[in-house]
Amino acid sequence: MLEIEVKYAVADWTGLERQVQQSGGQHLETRRDIDLYFNAPDRDFVQTDEAFRLRRIGQRNFLTYKGPKRDATTKTRAEIEVPLPDGNISQHLRLIEALGYRAVATVTKDRIVYQWPREGYDLHVCFDAVEEVGSYVELEIVAPPAEEERAREVVLRAARELSLLQVERRSYIHLLILMRGGT
């Protein structure tokens, strides 16, 4: 599957959240994501535009790989996400580190998620408050590769409907590293 996503820096999402609600968006959840990012032993994910993380949402755990971005407009990329057993992550970390992966940084965000039906897709609107980075709105559709172009257009139309114009293509981990003075 592909994750077709656009992200925008937004100082205050109160009006946007209201607009999504009033136009059919349904609140799915409010949660805290703690994402521990790793770099590979055989390549630099910053250079290859990939990401590998262990995500915690409460007691739920997920291992996620994201491939390089596929276009210059959105953050469309292949995504493979595998649920892991709930609870303590120490064994997961030991396995990842034993394979030579090294922790880079942790991104923590509070996220409000809406499902906003658009043109046959369950578009997700995520309002993110990212520690040390700022406030963002992400619009996302997960679709098969055959629907990539159509799903991208739906996401971009939804962004225009919300008057979101300045796309932020850098990932939260990249923005965090920049905020901390890295490259």
Protein backbone atom coordinates (compact mmCIF):
# COMPACT_ATOMS: atom_id res chain seq x y z
CA MET A 1 0.00 0.00 0.00
CA LEU A 2 0.99 3.62 -0.45
CA GLU A 3 0.67 6.40 2.06
CA ILE A 4 -0.36 9.53 0.14
CA GLU A 5 0.17 12.41 2.53
CA VAL A 6 0.59 16.16 2.70
CA LYS A 7 1.61 18.08 5.80
CA TYR A 8 1.29 21.75 6.68
CA ALA A 9 2.67 23.84 9.54
CA VAL A 10 -0.31 25.48 11.24
CA ALA A 11 0.04 27.63 14.35
CA ASP A 12 -3.60 27.20 15.44
CA TRP A 13 -5.85 24.45 14.13
CA THR A 14 -9.03 25.38 16.00
CA GLY A 15 -10.77 26.76 12.91
CA LEU A 16 -9.54 23.92 10.71
CA GLU A 17 -10.74 21.30 13.16
CA ARG A 18 -14.16 22.96 13.27
CA GLN A 19 -14.28 23.09 9.45
CA VAL A 20 -13.48 19.37 9.20
CA GLN A 21 -16.17 18.55 11.80
CA GLN A 22 -18.80 20.72 10.08
CA SER A 23 -18.11 19.13 6.69
CA GLY A 24 -18.54 15.53 7.79
CA GLY A 25 -15.29 14.70 9.58
CA GLN A 26 -15.67 12.23 12.42
CA HIS A 27 -13.30 12.22 15.40
CA LEU A 28 -11.60 8.82 15.61
CA GLU A 29 -9.15 9.23 18.47
CA THR A 30 -6.88 11.47 20.46
CA ARG A 31 -3.58 9.87 21.33
CA ARG A 32 0.11 10.29 22.07
CA ASP A 33 2.59 8.75 19.62
CA ILE A 34 6.16 8.08 20.69
CA ASP A 35 8.27 7.25 17.65
CA LEU A 36 11.80 5.93 18.10
CA TYR A 37 13.67 6.30 14.78
CA PHE A 38 16.60 4.17 13.71
CA ASN A 39 19.31 4.34 11.09
CA ALA A 40 20.47 1.27 9.19
CA PRO A 41 23.88 -0.37 9.47
CA ASP A 42 24.29 -0.46 5.67
CA ARG A 43 22.98 2.95 4.56
CA ASP A 44 22.01 6.38 5.86
CA PHE A 45 18.23 6.81 5.81
CA VAL A 46 18.62 10.60 5.64
CA GLN A 47 20.49 10.16 2.35
CA THR A 48 18.10 7.54 0.94
CA ASP A 49 14.93 9.37 2.14
CA GLU A 50 13.71 6.31 4.05
CA ALA A 51 12.48 5.90 7.61
CA PHE A 52 12.42 3.02 10.09
CA ARG A 53 10.72 3.44 13.44
CA LEU A 54 9.25 1.74 16.46
CA ARG A 55 5.99 3.51 17.35
CA ARG A 56 4.24 3.34 20.71
CA ILE A 57 0.62 4.42 21.08
CA GLY A 58 -0.21 3.76 24.71
CA GLN A 59 0.62 0.07 25.17
CA ARG A 60 0.33 -0.68 21.42
CA ASN A 61 3.54 -1.11 19.43
CA PHE A 62 4.22 -0.95 15.68
CA LEU A 63 7.30 -1.35 13.54
CA THR A 64 7.18 0.84 10.41
CA TYR A 65 9.33 1.19 7.30
CA LYS A 66 8.71 4.09 4.91
CA GLY A 67 10.32 4.12 1.48
CA PRO A 68 11.58 7.17 -0.41
CA LYS A 69 9.09 9.82 -1.51
CA ARG A 70 7.68 9.14 -4.97
CA ASP A 71 6.83 12.67 -6.16
CA ALA A 72 7.79 16.31 -5.64
CA THR A 73 4.38 17.52 -4.43
CA THR A 74 3.32 15.17 -1.65
CA LYS A 75 4.93 12.73 0.76
CA THR A 76 3.68 9.68 -1.16
CA ARG A 77 5.72 6.62 -0.26
CA ALA A 78 5.49 2.91 0.29
CA GLU A 79 4.72 2.07 3.89
CA ILE A 80 4.98 -1.26 5.64
CA GLU A 81 3.64 -1.31 9.18
CA VAL A 82 3.68 -4.40 11.37
CA PRO A 83 1.87 -4.58 14.71
CA LEU A 84 4.00 -5.95 17.53
CA PRO A 85 2.89 -7.41 20.85
CA ASP A 86 1.55 -4.80 23.26
CA GLY A 87 3.42 -3.75 26.36
CA ASN A 88 7.11 -3.47 27.10
CA ILE A 89 9.32 -2.71 24.09
CA SER A 90 12.69 -3.79 25.55
CA GLN A 91 12.75 -7.07 23.59
CA HIS A 92 11.84 -5.25 20.36
CA LEU A 93 14.67 -2.78 20.95
CA ARG A 94 17.17 -5.56 21.67
CA LEU A 95 16.26 -7.29 18.41
CA ILE A 96 16.50 -4.11 16.32
CA GLU A 97 19.85 -3.14 17.88
CA ALA A 98 21.20 -6.72 17.52
CA LEU A 99 20.60 -6.37 13.77
CA GLY A 100 22.85 -3.29 13.74
CA TYR A 101 20.24 -0.54 13.69
CA ARG A 102 20.99 2.42 15.92
CA ALA A 103 18.56 4.80 17.55
CA VAL A 104 18.69 8.33 16.10
CA ALA A 105 16.01 10.28 17.97
CA THR A 106 12.56 10.08 19.47
CA VAL A 107 9.65 12.11 18.11
CA THR A 108 6.75 12.61 20.52
CA LYS A 109 3.47 14.05 19.36
CA ASP A 110 -0.05 14.49 20.58
CA ARG A 111 -2.39 13.65 17.72
CA ILE A 112 -6.08 14.23 17.10
CA VAL A 113 -7.33 12.03 14.25
CA TYR A 114 -10.43 12.58 12.12
CA GLN A 115 -11.84 10.46 9.33
CA TRP A 116 -13.06 12.83 6.61
CA PRO A 117 -14.81 11.05 3.71
CA ARG A 118 -13.67 12.48 0.39
CA GLU A 119 -14.52 11.16 -3.08
CA GLY A 120 -14.76 7.53 -2.00
CA TYR A 121 -11.73 7.60 0.30
CA ASP A 122 -11.46 7.62 4.07
CA LEU A 123 -9.10 10.57 4.24
CA HIS A 124 -7.50 11.00 7.65
CA VAL A 125 -6.89 14.48 9.00
CA CYS A 126 -4.34 14.50 11.81
CA PHE A 127 -3.80 17.53 14.02
CA ASP A 128 -0.30 17.08 15.46
CA ALA A 129 1.42 18.93 18.29
CA VAL A 130 5.02 17.72 17.95
CA GLU A 131 7.35 18.29 20.89
CA GLU A 132 10.26 20.61 19.99
CA VAL A 133 8.95 20.98 16.43
CA GLY A 134 5.52 22.67 16.37
CA SER A 135 1.92 22.24 15.24
CA TYR A 136 0.98 20.59 11.96
CA VAL A 137 -1.98 19.24 10.03
CA GLU A 138 -1.53 16.09 7.96
CA LEU A 139 -3.96 14.83 5.32
CA GLU A 140 -3.51 11.19 4.40
CA ILE A 141 -5.02 8.44 2.28
CA VAL A 142 -3.72 4.88 2.21
CA ALA A 143 -4.32 3.40 -1.23
CA PRO A 144 -3.02 0.72 -3.58
CA PRO A 145 -0.39 1.81 -6.12
CA ALA A 146 -2.94 1.67 -8.95
CA GLU A 147 -4.87 4.52 -7.27
CA GLU A 148 -1.85 6.69 -6.48
CA GLU A 149 -2.61 9.54 -8.90
CA ARG A 150 -6.32 9.74 -8.06
CA ALA A 151 -5.70 9.59 -4.29
CA ARG A 152 -3.02 12.32 -4.58
CA GLU A 153 -5.51 14.60 -6.34
CA VAL A 154 -8.14 13.96 -3.66
CA VAL A 155 -5.64 14.81 -0.90
CA LEU A 156 -4.56 18.00 -2.66
CA ARG A 157 -8.19 19.07 -3.27
CA ALA A 158 -8.95 18.50 0.42
CA ALA A 159 -5.96 20.68 1.34
CA ARG A 160 -7.22 23.46 -0.92
CA GLU A 161 -10.68 23.11 0.63
CA LEU A 162 -9.05 23.80 4.01
CA SER A 163 -6.98 26.65 2.50
CA LEU A 164 -3.73 24.83 3.27
CA LEU A 165 -1.12 25.99 0.80
CA GLN A 166 2.48 25.63 2.02
CA VAL A 167 3.33 21.92 1.98
CA GLU A 168 6.01 20.73 4.42
CA ARG A 169 7.64 17.68 2.84
CA ARG A 170 10.23 17.08 5.54
CA SER A 171 9.44 14.40 8.11
CA TYR A 172 9.04 15.14 11.80
CA ILE A 173 12.35 13.38 12.52
CA HIS A 174 14.10 15.58 9.95
CA LEU A 175 12.50 18.73 11.40
CA LEU A 176 13.47 17.66 14.93
CA ILE A 177 17.08 17.11 13.94
CA LEU A 178 17.12 20.56 12.26
CA MET A 179 15.61 22.18 15.37
CA ARG A 180 18.38 20.61 17.45
CA GLY A 181 21.01 22.08 15.15
CA GLY A 182 21.70 19.01 13.02
CA THR A 183 21.62 18.65 9.25
